[in-house]
Amino acid sequence: MNILLFIGGIGVAELLLILLFLGIPTILWLWALIDLLNSDFEKGIDKLIWLVVIVFIPLLGALLYLLFGRKQKARSLNP
């Protein structure tokens, strides 16, 4: 018997849609948030601003951070 029938009768197409609309945005959001929290910025206020943007505008904020915010990180002196 198909295990998916026990989960409300959903099929492969529905699972793919769930992954597309819930899984991928969640992964992007978590990636941006973890990267932000593990990073140092030249200006301390930049980290706080990006945190607010990522938390209150989840998908768009995460995309903006991954595209633009990562370039604002403090440069390391180690080669």
PDB file of N, CA and C in Angstrom:
ATOM      1  N   MET A   1       0.842  -1.180   0.000  1.00  0.00           N
ATOM      2  CA  MET A   1       0.000   0.000   0.000  1.00  0.00           C
ATOM      3  C   MET A   1       0.892   1.251   0.000  1.00  0.00           C
ATOM      4  N   ASN A   2       0.454   2.244  -0.675  1.00  0.00           N
ATOM      5  CA  ASN A   2       1.227   3.478  -0.808  1.00  0.00           C
ATOM      6  C   ASN A   2       1.219   4.262   0.507  1.00  0.00           C
ATOM      7  N   ILE A   3       2.410   4.595   0.997  1.00  0.00           N
ATOM      8  CA  ILE A   3       2.528   5.326   2.271  1.00  0.00           C
ATOM      9  C   ILE A   3       1.918   6.722   2.179  1.00  0.00           C
ATOM     10  N   LEU A   4       1.899   7.294   0.976  1.00  0.00           N
ATOM     11  CA  LEU A   4       1.357   8.646   0.829  1.00  0.00           C
ATOM     12  C   LEU A   4      -0.147   8.701   1.072  1.00  0.00           C
ATOM     13  N   LEU A   5      -0.827   7.566   0.937  1.00  0.00           N
ATOM     14  CA  LEU A   5      -2.261   7.553   1.208  1.00  0.00           C
ATOM     15  C   LEU A   5      -2.553   7.797   2.678  1.00  0.00           C
ATOM     16  N   PHE A   6      -1.602   7.495   3.532  1.00  0.00           N
ATOM     17  CA  PHE A   6      -1.793   7.722   4.962  1.00  0.00           C
ATOM     18  C   PHE A   6      -1.574   9.188   5.335  1.00  0.00           C
ATOM     19  N   ILE A   7      -1.010   9.965   4.431  1.00  0.00           N
ATOM     20  CA  ILE A   7      -0.747  11.381   4.703  1.00  0.00           C
ATOM     21  C   ILE A   7      -1.773  12.231   3.957  1.00  0.00           C
ATOM     22  N   GLY A   8      -3.009  11.945   4.144  1.00  0.00           N
ATOM     23  CA  GLY A   8      -4.069  12.755   3.566  1.00  0.00           C
ATOM     24  C   GLY A   8      -4.305  12.504   2.091  1.00  0.00           C
ATOM     25  N   GLY A   9      -3.796  11.433   1.546  1.00  0.00           N
ATOM     26  CA  GLY A   9      -4.054  11.109   0.159  1.00  0.00           C
ATOM     27  C   GLY A   9      -3.291  11.967  -0.832  1.00  0.00           C
ATOM     28  N   ILE A  10      -2.146  12.500  -0.435  1.00  0.00           N
ATOM     29  CA  ILE A  10      -1.391  13.334  -1.364  1.00  0.00           C
ATOM     30  C   ILE A  10      -0.467  12.467  -2.207  1.00  0.00           C
ATOM     31  N   GLY A  11      -0.173  12.959  -3.386  1.00  0.00           N
ATOM     32  CA  GLY A  11       0.680  12.216  -4.298  1.00  0.00           C
ATOM     33  C   GLY A  11       2.004  12.919  -4.516  1.00  0.00           C
ATOM     34  N   VAL A  12       2.719  12.455  -5.514  1.00  0.00           N
ATOM     35  CA  VAL A  12       4.044  12.980  -5.812  1.00  0.00           C
ATOM     36  C   VAL A  12       3.963  14.438  -6.258  1.00  0.00           C
ATOM     37  N   ALA A  13       2.989  14.760  -7.070  1.00  0.00           N
ATOM     38  CA  ALA A  13       2.856  16.139  -7.555  1.00  0.00           C
ATOM     39  C   ALA A  13       2.622  17.107  -6.395  1.00  0.00           C
ATOM     40  N   GLU A  14       1.794  16.714  -5.463  1.00  0.00           N
ATOM     41  CA  GLU A  14       1.535  17.577  -4.309  1.00  0.00           C
ATOM     42  C   GLU A  14       2.773  17.734  -3.446  1.00  0.00           C
ATOM     43  N   LEU A  15       3.526  16.642  -3.267  1.00  0.00           N
ATOM     44  CA  LEU A  15       4.761  16.716  -2.486  1.00  0.00           C
ATOM     45  C   LEU A  15       5.774  17.645  -3.141  1.00  0.00           C
ATOM     46  N   LEU A  16       5.871  17.606  -4.455  1.00  0.00           N
ATOM     47  CA  LEU A  16       6.779  18.505  -5.169  1.00  0.00           C
ATOM     48  C   LEU A  16       6.361  19.962  -5.003  1.00  0.00           C
ATOM     49  N   LEU A  17       5.065  20.214  -5.048  1.00  0.00           N
ATOM     50  CA  LEU A  17       4.573  21.582  -4.840  1.00  0.00           C
ATOM     51  C   LEU A  17       4.855  22.067  -3.419  1.00  0.00           C
ATOM     52  N   ILE A  18       4.674  21.176  -2.450  1.00  0.00           N
ATOM     53  CA  ILE A  18       4.983  21.540  -1.069  1.00  0.00           C
ATOM     54  C   ILE A  18       6.453  21.853  -0.917  1.00  0.00           C
ATOM     55  N   LEU A  19       7.305  21.027  -1.505  1.00  0.00           N
ATOM     56  CA  LEU A  19       8.744  21.272  -1.458  1.00  0.00           C
ATOM     57  C   LEU A  19       9.094  22.586  -2.135  1.00  0.00           C
ATOM     58  N   LEU A  20       8.483  22.857  -3.268  1.00  0.00           N
ATOM     59  CA  LEU A  20       8.777  24.077  -4.018  1.00  0.00           C
ATOM     60  C   LEU A  20       8.355  25.327  -3.252  1.00  0.00           C
ATOM     61  N   PHE A  21       7.162  25.306  -2.675  1.00  0.00           N
ATOM     62  CA  PHE A  21       6.634  26.510  -2.046  1.00  0.00           C
ATOM     63  C   PHE A  21       6.921  26.637  -0.554  1.00  0.00           C
ATOM     64  N   LEU A  22       7.306  25.558   0.101  1.00  0.00           N
ATOM     65  CA  LEU A  22       7.625  25.629   1.525  1.00  0.00           C
ATOM     66  C   LEU A  22       9.072  25.262   1.817  1.00  0.00           C
ATOM     67  N   GLY A  23       9.560  24.199   1.220  1.00  0.00           N
ATOM     68  CA  GLY A  23      10.891  23.696   1.528  1.00  0.00           C
ATOM     69  C   GLY A  23      12.010  24.607   1.072  1.00  0.00           C
ATOM     70  N   ILE A  24      11.998  24.988  -0.188  1.00  0.00           N
ATOM     71  CA  ILE A  24      13.078  25.816  -0.735  1.00  0.00           C
ATOM     72  C   ILE A  24      13.129  27.185  -0.074  1.00  0.00           C
ATOM     73  N   PRO A  25      12.012  27.899   0.076  1.00  0.00           N
ATOM     74  CA  PRO A  25      12.086  29.190   0.780  1.00  0.00           C
ATOM     75  C   PRO A  25      12.574  29.054   2.227  1.00  0.00           C
ATOM     76  N   THR A  26      12.174  27.984   2.898  1.00  0.00           N
ATOM     77  CA  THR A  26      12.617  27.773   4.274  1.00  0.00           C
ATOM     78  C   THR A  26      14.117  27.529   4.331  1.00  0.00           C
ATOM     79  N   ILE A  27      14.635  26.751   3.399  1.00  0.00           N
ATOM     80  CA  ILE A  27      16.074  26.492   3.350  1.00  0.00           C
ATOM     81  C   ILE A  27      16.840  27.776   3.071  1.00  0.00           C
ATOM     82  N   LEU A  28      16.360  28.586   2.121  1.00  0.00           N
ATOM     83  CA  LEU A  28      17.017  29.871   1.826  1.00  0.00           C
ATOM     84  C   LEU A  28      17.009  30.783   3.044  1.00  0.00           C
ATOM     85  N   TRP A  29      15.876  30.826   3.754  1.00  0.00           N
ATOM     86  CA  TRP A  29      15.759  31.678   4.933  1.00  0.00           C
ATOM     87  C   TRP A  29      16.725  31.233   6.025  1.00  0.00           C
ATOM     88  N   LEU A  30      16.773  29.923   6.263  1.00  0.00           N
ATOM     89  CA  LEU A  30      17.684  29.406   7.289  1.00  0.00           C
ATOM     90  C   LEU A  30      19.146  29.628   6.903  1.00  0.00           C
ATOM     91  N   TRP A  31      19.475  29.445   5.630  1.00  0.00           N
ATOM     92  CA  TRP A  31      20.840  29.662   5.148  1.00  0.00           C
ATOM     93  C   TRP A  31      21.256  31.108   5.371  1.00  0.00           C
ATOM     94  N   ALA A  32      20.385  32.048   5.010  1.00  0.00           N
ATOM     95  CA  ALA A  32      20.699  33.463   5.194  1.00  0.00           C
ATOM     96  C   ALA A  32      20.831  33.800   6.676  1.00  0.00           C
ATOM     97  N   LEU A  33      19.941  33.313   7.497  1.00  0.00           N
ATOM     98  CA  LEU A  33      19.964  33.612   8.924  1.00  0.00           C
ATOM     99  C   LEU A  33      21.219  33.042   9.592  1.00  0.00           C
ATOM    100  N   ILE A  34      21.560  31.807   9.299  1.00  0.00           N
ATOM    101  CA  ILE A  34      22.754  31.193   9.890  1.00  0.00           C
ATOM    102  C   ILE A  34      24.014  31.897   9.414  1.00  0.00           C
ATOM    103  N   ASP A  35      24.085  32.219   8.113  1.00  0.00           N
ATOM    104  CA  ASP A  35      25.250  32.924   7.583  1.00  0.00           C
ATOM    105  C   ASP A  35      25.395  34.294   8.247  1.00  0.00           C
ATOM    106  N   LEU A  36      24.295  34.992   8.419  1.00  0.00           N
ATOM    107  CA  LEU A  36      24.321  36.306   9.066  1.00  0.00           C
ATOM    108  C   LEU A  36      24.820  36.204  10.501  1.00  0.00           C
ATOM    109  N   LEU A  37      24.286  35.259  11.254  1.00  0.00           N
ATOM    110  CA  LEU A  37      24.651  35.146  12.665  1.00  0.00           C
ATOM    111  C   LEU A  37      26.090  34.688  12.870  1.00  0.00           C
ATOM    112  N   ASN A  38      26.662  33.989  11.894  1.00  0.00           N
ATOM    113  CA  ASN A  38      28.041  33.533  11.998  1.00  0.00           C
ATOM    114  C   ASN A  38      29.042  34.510  11.393  1.00  0.00           C
ATOM    115  N   SER A  39      28.582  35.642  10.893  1.00  0.00           N
ATOM    116  CA  SER A  39      29.455  36.592  10.196  1.00  0.00           C
ATOM    117  C   SER A  39      29.750  37.818  11.056  1.00  0.00           C
ATOM    118  N   ASP A  40      30.873  38.430  10.751  1.00  0.00           N
ATOM    119  CA  ASP A  40      31.230  39.715  11.358  1.00  0.00           C
ATOM    120  C   ASP A  40      31.115  40.791  10.285  1.00  0.00           C
ATOM    121  N   PHE A  41      30.600  41.936  10.680  1.00  0.00           N
ATOM    122  CA  PHE A  41      30.449  43.055   9.765  1.00  0.00           C
ATOM    123  C   PHE A  41      31.331  44.204  10.236  1.00  0.00           C
ATOM    124  N   GLU A  42      31.735  45.040   9.278  1.00  0.00           N
ATOM    125  CA  GLU A  42      32.567  46.192   9.635  1.00  0.00           C
ATOM    126  C   GLU A  42      31.798  47.146  10.546  1.00  0.00           C
ATOM    127  N   LYS A  43      30.527  47.346  10.248  1.00  0.00           N
ATOM    128  CA  LYS A  43      29.660  48.173  11.085  1.00  0.00           C
ATOM    129  C   LYS A  43      28.689  47.238  11.809  1.00  0.00           C
ATOM    130  N   GLY A  44      28.648  47.364  13.118  1.00  0.00           N
ATOM    131  CA  GLY A  44      27.771  46.496  13.911  1.00  0.00           C
ATOM    132  C   GLY A  44      26.306  46.671  13.593  1.00  0.00           C
ATOM    133  N   ILE A  45      25.923  47.872  13.195  1.00  0.00           N
ATOM    134  CA  ILE A  45      24.519  48.148  12.904  1.00  0.00           C
ATOM    135  C   ILE A  45      24.057  47.420  11.643  1.00  0.00           C
ATOM    136  N   ASP A  46      24.991  47.122  10.718  1.00  0.00           N
ATOM    137  CA  ASP A  46      24.634  46.412   9.490  1.00  0.00           C
ATOM    138  C   ASP A  46      24.072  45.031   9.795  1.00  0.00           C
ATOM    139  N   LYS A  47      24.674  44.353  10.758  1.00  0.00           N
ATOM    140  CA  LYS A  47      24.209  43.019  11.137  1.00  0.00           C
ATOM    141  C   LYS A  47      22.791  43.092  11.703  1.00  0.00           C
ATOM    142  N   LEU A  48      22.535  44.082  12.525  1.00  0.00           N
ATOM    143  CA  LEU A  48      21.201  44.252  13.103  1.00  0.00           C
ATOM    144  C   LEU A  48      20.170  44.577  12.026  1.00  0.00           C
ATOM    145  N   ILE A  49      20.525  45.439  11.097  1.00  0.00           N
ATOM    146  CA  ILE A  49      19.596  45.798  10.020  1.00  0.00           C
ATOM    147  C   ILE A  49      19.268  44.576   9.170  1.00  0.00           C
ATOM    148  N   TRP A  50      20.300  43.799   8.805  1.00  0.00           N
ATOM    149  CA  TRP A  50      20.047  42.601   8.010  1.00  0.00           C
ATOM    150  C   TRP A  50      19.214  41.583   8.788  1.00  0.00           C
ATOM    151  N   LEU A  51      19.435  41.479  10.080  1.00  0.00           N
ATOM    152  CA  LEU A  51      18.643  40.562  10.895  1.00  0.00           C
ATOM    153  C   LEU A  51      17.167  40.949  10.856  1.00  0.00           C
ATOM    154  N   VAL A  52      16.888  42.226  11.015  1.00  0.00           N
ATOM    155  CA  VAL A  52      15.499  42.706  10.976  1.00  0.00           C
ATOM    156  C   VAL A  52      14.878  42.437   9.607  1.00  0.00           C
ATOM    157  N   VAL A  53      15.636  42.699   8.547  1.00  0.00           N
ATOM    158  CA  VAL A  53      15.123  42.480   7.190  1.00  0.00           C
ATOM    159  C   VAL A  53      14.830  40.998   6.957  1.00  0.00           C
ATOM    160  N   ILE A  54      15.741  40.125   7.358  1.00  0.00           N
ATOM    161  CA  ILE A  54      15.555  38.683   7.133  1.00  0.00           C
ATOM    162  C   ILE A  54      14.391  38.143   7.957  1.00  0.00           C
ATOM    163  N   VAL A  55      14.234  38.618   9.180  1.00  0.00           N
ATOM    164  CA  VAL A  55      13.177  38.085  10.051  1.00  0.00           C
ATOM    165  C   VAL A  55      11.800  38.605   9.651  1.00  0.00           C
ATOM    166  N   PHE A  56      11.697  39.891   9.303  1.00  0.00           N
ATOM    167  CA  PHE A  56      10.369  40.470   9.042  1.00  0.00           C
ATOM    168  C   PHE A  56       9.937  40.411   7.583  1.00  0.00           C
ATOM    169  N   ILE A  57      10.864  40.178   6.668  1.00  0.00           N
ATOM    170  CA  ILE A  57      10.526  39.989   5.255  1.00  0.00           C
ATOM    171  C   ILE A  57      11.219  38.700   4.813  1.00  0.00           C
ATOM    172  N   PRO A  58      10.722  37.552   5.241  1.00  0.00           N
ATOM    173  CA  PRO A  58      11.484  36.306   5.166  1.00  0.00           C
ATOM    174  C   PRO A  58      12.093  35.961   3.799  1.00  0.00           C
ATOM    175  N   LEU A  59      11.318  35.719   2.796  1.00  0.00           N
ATOM    176  CA  LEU A  59      11.893  35.252   1.534  1.00  0.00           C
ATOM    177  C   LEU A  59      12.652  36.359   0.817  1.00  0.00           C
ATOM    178  N   LEU A  60      12.041  37.511   0.671  1.00  0.00           N
ATOM    179  CA  LEU A  60      12.709  38.623  -0.003  1.00  0.00           C
ATOM    180  C   LEU A  60      13.936  39.076   0.772  1.00  0.00           C
ATOM    181  N   GLY A  61      13.837  39.148   2.087  1.00  0.00           N
ATOM    182  CA  GLY A  61      14.965  39.548   2.914  1.00  0.00           C
ATOM    183  C   GLY A  61      16.125  38.581   2.807  1.00  0.00           C
ATOM    184  N   ALA A  62      15.817  37.281   2.790  1.00  0.00           N
ATOM    185  CA  ALA A  62      16.864  36.271   2.660  1.00  0.00           C
ATOM    186  C   ALA A  62      17.551  36.372   1.304  1.00  0.00           C
ATOM    187  N   LEU A  63      16.761  36.543   0.253  1.00  0.00           N
ATOM    188  CA  LEU A  63      17.350  36.685  -1.080  1.00  0.00           C
ATOM    189  C   LEU A  63      18.212  37.938  -1.183  1.00  0.00           C
ATOM    190  N   LEU A  64      17.719  39.043  -0.658  1.00  0.00           N
ATOM    191  CA  LEU A  64      18.501  40.291  -0.693  1.00  0.00           C
ATOM    192  C   LEU A  64      19.801  40.145   0.087  1.00  0.00           C
ATOM    193  N   TYR A  65      19.731  39.501   1.245  1.00  0.00           N
ATOM    194  CA  TYR A  65      20.952  39.308   2.029  1.00  0.00           C
ATOM    195  C   TYR A  65      21.952  38.435   1.278  1.00  0.00           C
ATOM    196  N   LEU A  66      21.475  37.331   0.711  1.00  0.00           N
ATOM    197  CA  LEU A  66      22.386  36.427   0.017  1.00  0.00           C
ATOM    198  C   LEU A  66      23.000  37.081  -1.219  1.00  0.00           C
ATOM    199  N   LEU A  67      22.263  37.984  -1.858  1.00  0.00           N
ATOM    200  CA  LEU A  67      22.782  38.658  -3.050  1.00  0.00           C
ATOM    201  C   LEU A  67      23.666  39.852  -2.717  1.00  0.00           C
ATOM    202  N   PHE A  68      23.286  40.648  -1.720  1.00  0.00           N
ATOM    203  CA  PHE A  68      23.980  41.911  -1.453  1.00  0.00           C
ATOM    204  C   PHE A  68      24.638  41.988  -0.077  1.00  0.00           C
ATOM    205  N   GLY A  69      24.005  41.436   0.921  1.00  0.00           N
ATOM    206  CA  GLY A  69      24.487  41.577   2.297  1.00  0.00           C
ATOM    207  C   GLY A  69      25.790  40.862   2.578  1.00  0.00           C
ATOM    208  N   ARG A  70      26.010  39.750   1.920  1.00  0.00           N
ATOM    209  CA  ARG A  70      27.237  38.990   2.168  1.00  0.00           C
ATOM    210  C   ARG A  70      28.471  39.767   1.729  1.00  0.00           C
ATOM    211  N   LYS A  71      28.295  40.704   0.817  1.00  0.00           N
ATOM    212  CA  LYS A  71      29.424  41.523   0.351  1.00  0.00           C
ATOM    213  C   LYS A  71      29.827  42.570   1.377  1.00  0.00           C
ATOM    214  N   GLN A  72      28.987  42.819   2.367  1.00  0.00           N
ATOM    215  CA  GLN A  72      29.256  43.834   3.382  1.00  0.00           C
ATOM    216  C   GLN A  72      30.016  43.273   4.577  1.00  0.00           C
ATOM    217  N   LYS A  73      30.314  41.998   4.559  1.00  0.00           N
ATOM    218  CA  LYS A  73      31.010  41.390   5.701  1.00  0.00           C
ATOM    219  C   LYS A  73      32.402  41.974   5.848  1.00  0.00           C
ATOM    220  N   ALA A  74      32.913  41.928   7.085  1.00  0.00           N
ATOM    221  CA  ALA A  74      34.269  42.408   7.364  1.00  0.00           C
ATOM    222  C   ALA A  74      35.264  41.467   6.686  1.00  0.00           C
ATOM    223  N   ARG A  75      36.276  42.056   6.115  1.00  0.00           N
ATOM    224  CA  ARG A  75      37.319  41.269   5.451  1.00  0.00           C
ATOM    225  C   ARG A  75      38.250  40.669   6.489  1.00  0.00           C
ATOM    226  N   SER A  76      38.594  39.434   6.324  1.00  0.00           N
ATOM    227  CA  SER A  76      39.513  38.764   7.245  1.00  0.00           C
ATOM    228  C   SER A  76      40.945  39.078   6.863  1.00  0.00           C
ATOM    229  N   LEU A  77      41.826  39.228   7.863  1.00  0.00           N
ATOM    230  CA  LEU A  77      43.230  39.497   7.610  1.00  0.00           C
ATOM    231  C   LEU A  77      44.004  38.229   7.303  1.00  0.00           C
ATOM    232  N   ASN A  78      43.416  37.083   7.630  1.00  0.00           N
ATOM    233  CA  ASN A  78      44.076  35.799   7.353  1.00  0.00           C
ATOM    234  C   ASN A  78      43.936  35.452   5.879  1.00  0.00           C
ATOM    235  N   PRO A  79      45.014  34.953   5.260  1.00  0.00           N
ATOM    236  CA  PRO A  79      44.927  34.609   3.826  1.00  0.00           C
ATOM    237  C   PRO A  79      44.100  33.398   3.549  1.00  0.00           C
TER     238      PRO A  79
END
